[in-house]
N, C-alpha and C. Protein backbone atom coordinates (compact mmCIF):
# COMPACT_ATOMS: atom_id res chain seq x y z
N UNK A 1 63.29 76.51 -138.92
CA UNK A 1 62.19 76.35 -137.95
C UNK A 1 61.02 75.71 -138.63
N UNK A 2 60.66 76.23 -139.82
CA UNK A 2 59.51 75.64 -140.56
C UNK A 2 59.71 74.21 -140.93
N UNK A 3 60.95 73.88 -141.27
CA UNK A 3 61.24 72.47 -141.66
C UNK A 3 61.07 71.56 -140.44
N UNK A 4 61.35 71.97 -139.24
CA UNK A 4 61.23 71.21 -138.02
C UNK A 4 59.73 70.96 -137.77
N UNK A 5 58.92 71.98 -137.92
CA UNK A 5 57.40 71.88 -137.69
C UNK A 5 56.85 70.89 -138.73
N UNK A 6 57.24 71.02 -140.02
CA UNK A 6 56.76 70.19 -141.06
C UNK A 6 57.17 68.75 -140.82
N UNK A 7 58.38 68.53 -140.35
CA UNK A 7 58.89 67.16 -140.12
C UNK A 7 58.11 66.52 -138.98
N UNK A 8 57.92 67.23 -137.92
CA UNK A 8 57.13 66.66 -136.80
C UNK A 8 55.71 66.45 -137.19
N UNK A 9 55.09 67.28 -137.90
CA UNK A 9 53.69 67.10 -138.45
C UNK A 9 53.65 65.89 -139.25
N UNK A 10 54.61 65.64 -140.15
CA UNK A 10 54.65 64.49 -141.05
C UNK A 10 54.80 63.25 -140.24
N UNK A 11 55.72 63.21 -139.29
CA UNK A 11 55.89 62.04 -138.44
C UNK A 11 54.62 61.70 -137.66
N UNK A 12 53.92 62.70 -137.14
CA UNK A 12 52.65 62.51 -136.41
C UNK A 12 51.60 61.92 -137.37
N UNK A 13 51.55 62.43 -138.61
CA UNK A 13 50.58 61.89 -139.50
C UNK A 13 50.83 60.45 -139.86
N UNK A 14 52.10 60.11 -140.11
CA UNK A 14 52.46 58.75 -140.42
C UNK A 14 52.19 57.85 -139.21
N UNK A 15 52.52 58.25 -137.98
CA UNK A 15 52.22 57.50 -136.83
C UNK A 15 50.71 57.29 -136.67
N UNK A 16 49.90 58.29 -136.87
CA UNK A 16 48.47 58.20 -136.79
C UNK A 16 47.88 57.22 -137.76
N UNK A 17 48.34 57.27 -139.01
CA UNK A 17 47.85 56.34 -140.04
C UNK A 17 48.29 54.93 -139.61
N UNK A 18 49.52 54.72 -139.21
CA UNK A 18 49.99 53.38 -138.74
C UNK A 18 49.20 52.82 -137.65
N UNK A 19 48.86 53.68 -136.64
CA UNK A 19 48.06 53.23 -135.51
C UNK A 19 46.61 52.83 -135.94
N UNK A 20 46.09 53.67 -136.87
CA UNK A 20 44.76 53.38 -137.37
C UNK A 20 44.71 52.02 -138.08
N UNK A 21 45.68 51.79 -138.93
CA UNK A 21 45.70 50.48 -139.58
C UNK A 21 45.90 49.33 -138.62
N UNK A 22 46.77 49.45 -137.65
CA UNK A 22 46.98 48.47 -136.65
C UNK A 22 45.70 48.16 -135.83
N UNK A 23 44.99 49.20 -135.48
CA UNK A 23 43.74 49.09 -134.71
C UNK A 23 42.70 48.23 -135.49
N UNK A 24 42.64 48.50 -136.77
CA UNK A 24 41.64 47.78 -137.58
C UNK A 24 41.99 46.33 -137.73
N UNK A 25 43.28 45.98 -137.61
CA UNK A 25 43.69 44.61 -137.69
C UNK A 25 43.48 43.78 -136.45
N UNK A 26 43.25 44.50 -135.32
CA UNK A 26 43.13 43.73 -134.08
C UNK A 26 41.72 43.10 -134.01
N UNK A 27 41.58 41.86 -133.48
CA UNK A 27 40.24 41.29 -133.34
C UNK A 27 39.49 42.03 -132.22
N UNK A 28 38.12 42.09 -132.28
CA UNK A 28 37.39 42.74 -131.25
C UNK A 28 37.57 41.99 -129.93
N UNK A 29 37.78 42.69 -128.90
CA UNK A 29 37.93 42.06 -127.55
C UNK A 29 36.61 41.69 -126.96
N UNK A 30 36.59 41.02 -125.81
CA UNK A 30 35.31 40.68 -125.18
C UNK A 30 34.56 41.95 -124.78
N UNK A 31 35.27 43.05 -124.42
CA UNK A 31 34.59 44.26 -124.09
C UNK A 31 33.72 44.75 -125.21
N UNK A 32 34.16 44.59 -126.42
CA UNK A 32 33.40 44.99 -127.60
C UNK A 32 32.11 44.21 -127.73
N UNK A 33 32.24 42.87 -127.41
CA UNK A 33 31.04 41.97 -127.55
C UNK A 33 30.09 42.32 -126.42
N UNK A 34 30.55 42.61 -125.26
CA UNK A 34 29.70 42.99 -124.14
C UNK A 34 28.94 44.24 -124.49
N UNK A 35 29.59 45.19 -125.13
CA UNK A 35 28.87 46.43 -125.52
C UNK A 35 27.87 46.13 -126.63
N UNK A 36 28.15 45.23 -127.50
CA UNK A 36 27.20 44.93 -128.58
C UNK A 36 25.93 44.24 -127.96
N UNK A 37 26.16 43.35 -126.99
CA UNK A 37 25.02 42.72 -126.26
C UNK A 37 24.25 43.77 -125.53
N UNK A 38 24.93 44.61 -124.82
CA UNK A 38 24.34 45.69 -124.03
C UNK A 38 23.39 46.55 -124.88
N UNK A 39 23.92 46.85 -126.11
CA UNK A 39 23.08 47.72 -127.07
C UNK A 39 21.79 46.99 -127.45
N UNK A 40 21.75 45.68 -127.50
CA UNK A 40 20.58 44.96 -127.95
C UNK A 40 19.54 44.86 -126.76
N UNK A 41 19.97 45.09 -125.55
CA UNK A 41 19.04 44.98 -124.44
C UNK A 41 18.22 46.28 -124.33
N UNK A 42 17.05 46.24 -123.72
CA UNK A 42 16.11 47.36 -123.72
C UNK A 42 16.50 48.57 -122.79
N UNK A 43 17.55 48.37 -122.03
CA UNK A 43 18.04 49.47 -121.14
C UNK A 43 16.96 49.93 -120.12
N UNK A 44 16.10 49.04 -119.64
CA UNK A 44 15.18 49.45 -118.61
C UNK A 44 15.77 49.41 -117.24
N UNK A 45 16.92 48.76 -117.03
CA UNK A 45 17.63 48.64 -115.73
C UNK A 45 16.64 48.14 -114.68
N UNK A 46 15.78 47.19 -114.98
CA UNK A 46 14.74 46.80 -114.05
C UNK A 46 15.18 45.67 -113.13
N UNK A 47 16.30 45.02 -113.43
CA UNK A 47 16.86 43.95 -112.58
C UNK A 47 16.01 42.65 -112.57
N UNK A 48 15.09 42.52 -113.49
CA UNK A 48 14.29 41.30 -113.52
C UNK A 48 15.07 40.07 -113.98
N UNK A 49 16.22 40.27 -114.62
CA UNK A 49 17.08 39.18 -115.04
C UNK A 49 17.90 38.61 -113.89
N UNK A 50 17.93 39.30 -112.75
CA UNK A 50 18.71 38.90 -111.62
C UNK A 50 20.00 39.69 -111.51
N UNK A 51 20.25 40.65 -112.44
CA UNK A 51 21.43 41.49 -112.36
C UNK A 51 20.94 42.93 -112.16
N UNK A 52 21.83 43.80 -111.61
CA UNK A 52 21.35 45.09 -111.24
C UNK A 52 21.05 46.01 -112.39
N UNK A 53 21.38 45.64 -113.62
CA UNK A 53 21.11 46.49 -114.80
C UNK A 53 21.41 45.71 -116.04
N UNK A 54 21.23 46.36 -117.18
CA UNK A 54 21.46 45.72 -118.48
C UNK A 54 22.91 45.47 -118.75
N UNK A 55 23.81 46.39 -118.41
CA UNK A 55 25.25 46.22 -118.64
C UNK A 55 25.82 44.95 -117.86
N UNK A 56 25.50 44.82 -116.55
CA UNK A 56 25.99 43.64 -115.89
C UNK A 56 25.40 42.31 -116.45
N UNK A 57 24.17 42.34 -116.87
CA UNK A 57 23.62 41.15 -117.53
C UNK A 57 24.31 40.86 -118.85
N UNK A 58 24.62 41.88 -119.65
CA UNK A 58 25.37 41.70 -120.88
C UNK A 58 26.76 41.11 -120.60
N UNK A 59 27.39 41.59 -119.58
CA UNK A 59 28.73 41.03 -119.23
C UNK A 59 28.54 39.55 -118.81
N UNK A 60 27.56 39.24 -118.08
CA UNK A 60 27.36 37.87 -117.64
C UNK A 60 27.04 36.97 -118.82
N UNK A 61 26.24 37.46 -119.77
CA UNK A 61 25.97 36.61 -120.95
C UNK A 61 27.25 36.35 -121.73
N UNK A 62 28.13 37.30 -121.91
CA UNK A 62 29.34 37.14 -122.67
C UNK A 62 30.41 36.35 -121.88
N UNK A 63 30.64 36.79 -120.65
CA UNK A 63 31.79 36.31 -119.92
C UNK A 63 31.49 35.01 -119.11
N UNK A 64 30.21 34.79 -118.70
CA UNK A 64 29.86 33.64 -117.79
C UNK A 64 28.88 32.71 -118.42
N UNK A 65 28.59 32.92 -119.74
CA UNK A 65 27.68 32.10 -120.49
C UNK A 65 26.33 31.96 -119.83
N UNK A 66 25.76 33.05 -119.32
CA UNK A 66 24.46 33.09 -118.71
C UNK A 66 23.47 32.95 -119.86
N UNK A 67 22.28 32.33 -119.69
CA UNK A 67 21.32 32.22 -120.70
C UNK A 67 20.86 33.59 -121.30
N UNK A 68 20.52 33.62 -122.54
CA UNK A 68 20.09 34.85 -123.19
C UNK A 68 18.58 35.13 -123.04
N UNK A 69 17.87 34.34 -122.26
CA UNK A 69 16.42 34.48 -122.19
C UNK A 69 15.91 34.98 -120.88
N UNK A 70 16.68 35.82 -120.19
CA UNK A 70 16.31 36.28 -118.87
C UNK A 70 15.71 37.71 -118.81
N UNK A 71 15.49 38.31 -119.95
CA UNK A 71 15.06 39.70 -119.97
C UNK A 71 13.62 39.83 -120.40
N UNK A 72 12.70 39.92 -119.38
CA UNK A 72 11.27 40.01 -119.78
C UNK A 72 10.95 41.30 -120.53
N UNK A 73 11.45 42.47 -120.24
CA UNK A 73 11.16 43.64 -121.06
C UNK A 73 11.59 43.47 -122.56
N UNK A 74 12.65 42.82 -122.76
CA UNK A 74 13.15 42.62 -124.14
C UNK A 74 12.34 41.63 -124.93
N UNK A 75 11.87 40.59 -124.19
CA UNK A 75 11.02 39.59 -124.82
C UNK A 75 11.67 38.78 -125.89
N UNK A 76 10.85 38.14 -126.74
CA UNK A 76 11.34 37.27 -127.78
C UNK A 76 12.19 38.00 -128.76
N UNK A 77 11.88 39.24 -129.10
CA UNK A 77 12.60 40.01 -130.08
C UNK A 77 14.09 40.13 -129.66
N UNK A 78 14.32 40.43 -128.40
CA UNK A 78 15.71 40.56 -127.92
C UNK A 78 16.36 39.18 -127.85
N UNK A 79 15.69 38.16 -127.56
CA UNK A 79 16.22 36.81 -127.54
C UNK A 79 16.77 36.47 -128.96
N UNK A 80 15.91 36.75 -129.97
CA UNK A 80 16.32 36.46 -131.33
C UNK A 80 17.57 37.24 -131.81
N UNK A 81 17.57 38.56 -131.35
CA UNK A 81 18.74 39.33 -131.74
C UNK A 81 20.06 38.88 -131.05
N UNK A 82 19.90 38.52 -129.70
CA UNK A 82 21.04 38.06 -129.03
C UNK A 82 21.53 36.70 -129.63
N UNK A 83 20.58 35.81 -129.92
CA UNK A 83 20.97 34.54 -130.53
C UNK A 83 21.72 34.72 -131.87
N UNK A 84 21.23 35.63 -132.65
CA UNK A 84 21.85 35.90 -133.94
C UNK A 84 23.29 36.44 -133.71
N UNK A 85 23.41 37.37 -132.80
CA UNK A 85 24.79 37.98 -132.50
C UNK A 85 25.73 36.94 -131.94
N UNK A 86 25.26 36.12 -131.06
CA UNK A 86 26.14 35.25 -130.30
C UNK A 86 26.29 33.86 -130.95
N UNK A 87 25.48 33.59 -131.98
CA UNK A 87 25.52 32.25 -132.67
C UNK A 87 24.89 31.23 -131.73
N UNK A 88 23.91 31.59 -130.96
CA UNK A 88 23.28 30.52 -130.05
C UNK A 88 21.89 30.24 -130.57
N UNK A 89 21.30 29.19 -130.03
CA UNK A 89 19.98 28.80 -130.39
C UNK A 89 18.98 29.70 -129.71
N UNK A 90 17.88 29.93 -130.38
CA UNK A 90 16.79 30.73 -129.83
C UNK A 90 16.05 29.87 -128.82
N UNK A 91 15.92 30.40 -127.58
CA UNK A 91 15.16 29.64 -126.49
C UNK A 91 14.09 30.53 -126.06
N UNK A 92 13.00 29.89 -125.50
CA UNK A 92 11.87 30.73 -125.07
C UNK A 92 12.20 31.59 -123.85
N UNK A 93 11.51 32.67 -123.66
CA UNK A 93 11.71 33.53 -122.56
C UNK A 93 11.56 32.77 -121.27
N UNK A 94 12.48 32.93 -120.29
CA UNK A 94 12.39 32.23 -119.02
C UNK A 94 11.12 32.60 -118.35
N UNK A 95 10.47 31.64 -117.76
CA UNK A 95 9.20 31.81 -117.05
C UNK A 95 9.41 32.46 -115.73
N UNK A 96 8.71 33.54 -115.42
CA UNK A 96 8.76 34.10 -114.11
C UNK A 96 7.64 33.39 -113.35
N UNK A 97 7.72 33.49 -112.01
CA UNK A 97 6.76 32.84 -111.13
C UNK A 97 5.35 33.22 -111.54
N UNK A 98 5.02 34.55 -111.53
CA UNK A 98 3.77 35.02 -112.01
C UNK A 98 4.01 36.44 -112.60
N UNK A 99 3.75 36.58 -113.88
CA UNK A 99 3.89 37.96 -114.40
C UNK A 99 2.94 38.90 -113.65
N UNK A 100 3.49 40.06 -113.33
CA UNK A 100 2.75 40.98 -112.52
C UNK A 100 2.75 42.38 -113.12
N UNK A 101 1.82 43.17 -112.59
CA UNK A 101 1.83 44.57 -112.98
C UNK A 101 1.59 45.41 -111.69
N UNK A 102 2.13 46.57 -111.69
CA UNK A 102 1.98 47.45 -110.52
C UNK A 102 0.57 48.08 -110.55
N UNK A 103 -0.05 48.24 -109.45
CA UNK A 103 -1.38 48.85 -109.32
C UNK A 103 -1.28 49.88 -108.19
N UNK A 104 -1.67 51.08 -108.41
CA UNK A 104 -1.67 52.14 -107.34
C UNK A 104 -3.07 52.29 -106.86
N UNK A 105 -3.15 52.28 -105.50
CA UNK A 105 -4.41 52.60 -104.78
C UNK A 105 -4.50 54.13 -104.90
N UNK A 106 -5.22 54.59 -105.91
CA UNK A 106 -5.24 56.03 -106.30
C UNK A 106 -5.73 56.92 -105.20
N UNK A 107 -6.81 56.61 -104.42
CA UNK A 107 -7.20 57.44 -103.30
C UNK A 107 -6.13 57.60 -102.26
N UNK A 108 -5.26 56.62 -102.08
CA UNK A 108 -4.25 56.69 -101.07
C UNK A 108 -3.01 57.42 -101.54
N UNK A 109 -2.88 57.61 -102.86
CA UNK A 109 -1.70 58.28 -103.41
C UNK A 109 -1.62 59.67 -103.06
N UNK A 110 -0.40 60.12 -102.58
CA UNK A 110 -0.27 61.47 -102.17
C UNK A 110 0.47 62.31 -103.23
N UNK A 111 0.79 61.70 -104.41
CA UNK A 111 1.44 62.42 -105.47
C UNK A 111 2.91 62.81 -105.21
N UNK A 112 3.58 61.98 -104.46
CA UNK A 112 4.93 62.36 -104.03
C UNK A 112 5.96 62.24 -105.20
N UNK A 113 5.68 61.49 -106.24
CA UNK A 113 6.54 61.37 -107.40
C UNK A 113 7.64 60.36 -107.26
N UNK A 114 7.81 59.76 -106.04
CA UNK A 114 8.90 58.79 -105.90
C UNK A 114 8.77 57.58 -106.77
N UNK A 115 7.52 57.06 -106.93
CA UNK A 115 7.34 55.86 -107.82
C UNK A 115 7.65 56.20 -109.20
N UNK A 116 7.21 57.38 -109.66
CA UNK A 116 7.38 57.79 -111.05
C UNK A 116 8.88 57.90 -111.39
N UNK A 117 9.65 58.43 -110.39
CA UNK A 117 11.07 58.59 -110.61
C UNK A 117 11.80 57.23 -110.62
N UNK A 118 11.23 56.20 -109.93
CA UNK A 118 11.85 54.87 -109.83
C UNK A 118 11.52 54.05 -111.06
N UNK A 119 10.46 54.30 -111.77
CA UNK A 119 10.04 53.48 -112.93
C UNK A 119 10.98 53.60 -114.09
N UNK A 120 11.65 52.49 -114.47
CA UNK A 120 12.61 52.60 -115.58
C UNK A 120 11.99 52.72 -116.90
N UNK A 121 10.73 52.45 -117.01
CA UNK A 121 10.05 52.45 -118.41
C UNK A 121 8.94 53.50 -118.51
N UNK A 122 8.87 54.42 -117.53
CA UNK A 122 7.91 55.49 -117.58
C UNK A 122 6.43 54.96 -117.70
N UNK A 123 6.15 53.93 -116.95
CA UNK A 123 4.83 53.39 -117.00
C UNK A 123 3.88 54.05 -115.94
N UNK A 124 4.40 54.92 -115.19
CA UNK A 124 3.59 55.65 -114.17
C UNK A 124 3.38 57.08 -114.60
N UNK A 125 2.15 57.51 -114.65
CA UNK A 125 1.81 58.89 -115.04
C UNK A 125 1.13 59.59 -113.88
N UNK A 126 1.35 60.83 -113.88
CA UNK A 126 0.74 61.66 -112.82
C UNK A 126 1.66 62.92 -112.60
N UNK A 127 1.11 63.84 -111.89
CA UNK A 127 1.82 65.11 -111.65
C UNK A 127 2.15 65.20 -110.17
N UNK A 128 3.14 66.07 -109.84
CA UNK A 128 3.47 66.25 -108.44
C UNK A 128 2.29 66.77 -107.62
N UNK A 129 2.06 66.21 -106.51
CA UNK A 129 0.89 66.50 -105.61
C UNK A 129 -0.47 66.10 -106.18
N UNK A 130 -0.43 65.24 -107.24
CA UNK A 130 -1.70 64.73 -107.76
C UNK A 130 -1.55 63.20 -107.76
N UNK A 131 -2.66 62.49 -107.85
CA UNK A 131 -2.55 61.03 -107.80
C UNK A 131 -1.85 60.55 -109.12
N UNK A 132 -1.28 59.33 -108.99
CA UNK A 132 -0.60 58.71 -110.07
C UNK A 132 -1.35 57.39 -110.48
N UNK A 133 -1.06 56.96 -111.67
CA UNK A 133 -1.68 55.69 -112.06
C UNK A 133 -0.64 54.96 -112.91
N UNK A 134 -0.79 53.69 -113.15
CA UNK A 134 0.14 52.86 -113.90
C UNK A 134 -0.53 52.51 -115.25
N UNK A 135 0.29 52.68 -116.30
CA UNK A 135 -0.17 52.25 -117.64
C UNK A 135 0.20 50.78 -117.69
N UNK A 136 -0.75 49.89 -117.50
CA UNK A 136 -0.51 48.46 -117.41
C UNK A 136 0.22 47.83 -118.59
N UNK A 137 -0.09 48.34 -119.76
CA UNK A 137 0.59 47.76 -121.01
C UNK A 137 2.07 48.12 -121.03
N UNK A 138 2.43 49.18 -120.32
CA UNK A 138 3.88 49.59 -120.32
C UNK A 138 4.63 48.99 -119.10
N UNK A 139 3.99 48.57 -118.08
CA UNK A 139 4.58 48.09 -116.84
C UNK A 139 5.21 46.76 -117.14
N UNK A 140 6.53 46.65 -116.70
CA UNK A 140 7.27 45.38 -116.86
C UNK A 140 7.18 44.48 -115.62
N UNK A 141 6.57 44.95 -114.56
CA UNK A 141 6.45 44.17 -113.31
C UNK A 141 7.75 44.09 -112.55
N UNK A 142 8.63 45.06 -112.71
CA UNK A 142 9.91 45.03 -112.07
C UNK A 142 9.92 45.25 -110.52
N UNK A 143 8.87 45.86 -110.06
CA UNK A 143 8.65 46.16 -108.66
C UNK A 143 9.58 47.26 -108.11
N UNK A 144 10.28 47.99 -108.93
CA UNK A 144 11.10 49.05 -108.50
C UNK A 144 10.38 50.27 -107.93
N UNK A 145 9.08 50.37 -108.25
CA UNK A 145 8.31 51.46 -107.76
C UNK A 145 7.68 51.19 -106.37
N UNK A 146 7.72 49.93 -105.90
CA UNK A 146 7.00 49.63 -104.65
C UNK A 146 7.81 50.14 -103.46
N UNK A 147 9.13 49.94 -103.36
CA UNK A 147 9.85 50.31 -102.22
C UNK A 147 9.90 51.85 -101.94
N UNK A 148 10.02 52.69 -103.00
CA UNK A 148 10.08 54.17 -102.69
C UNK A 148 8.79 54.77 -102.24
N UNK A 149 7.67 54.02 -102.38
CA UNK A 149 6.38 54.64 -102.03
C UNK A 149 6.27 54.85 -100.50
N UNK A 150 6.16 56.08 -100.03
CA UNK A 150 6.11 56.36 -98.54
C UNK A 150 4.75 55.92 -97.92
N UNK A 151 3.70 55.79 -98.71
CA UNK A 151 2.42 55.42 -98.15
C UNK A 151 1.98 54.01 -98.50
N UNK A 152 2.83 53.24 -99.10
CA UNK A 152 2.57 51.85 -99.43
C UNK A 152 1.28 51.65 -100.19
N UNK A 153 1.00 52.51 -101.18
CA UNK A 153 -0.20 52.44 -102.01
C UNK A 153 0.01 51.61 -103.28
N UNK A 154 1.19 51.07 -103.46
CA UNK A 154 1.48 50.31 -104.72
C UNK A 154 1.54 48.86 -104.40
N UNK A 155 0.78 48.09 -105.13
CA UNK A 155 0.87 46.57 -104.97
C UNK A 155 1.16 45.94 -106.33
N UNK A 156 1.63 44.76 -106.27
CA UNK A 156 1.78 44.02 -107.56
C UNK A 156 0.71 42.99 -107.60
N UNK A 157 0.07 42.98 -108.79
CA UNK A 157 -1.04 42.11 -109.03
C UNK A 157 -0.74 41.19 -110.23
N UNK A 158 -1.19 39.95 -110.18
CA UNK A 158 -0.88 39.07 -111.32
C UNK A 158 -1.40 39.66 -112.62
N UNK A 159 -0.69 39.50 -113.64
CA UNK A 159 -1.14 40.00 -115.01
C UNK A 159 -2.19 39.12 -115.55
N UNK A 160 -3.31 39.66 -115.91
CA UNK A 160 -4.43 38.82 -116.42
C UNK A 160 -4.45 38.87 -117.95
């Protein structure tokens, strides 16, 4: 009985080592490259690139040859890292129509917390049932906070 257990354990060990060696010999698939691109993105899920999140944008960059300069929160640093990874030329950040920042009409704010929950970069501060405000330097202008506001006290203003 002990011999059978040792034989099976030895066969499992040999099979595991063989699979490990075979796995290392395989070239990385596109899924691996998509994940590498996704890791370089800021993970704000702001959709400013035209895709619903960072992972779909990463897939489009790898699989559909979408430009690497569509991520405003990532900025030039992300463009440089993506260019290095993908072997592409560094190109300037794509121009948005007008860079904007969210502004809360504080006296109208009811402190409902919906905007704060929607903000992917935590640029909105405030407590439940108290007014909220936007940290302009942190706001990416994604507009994700505007729709959830039940009293329409959030507007987007051009960044000065």
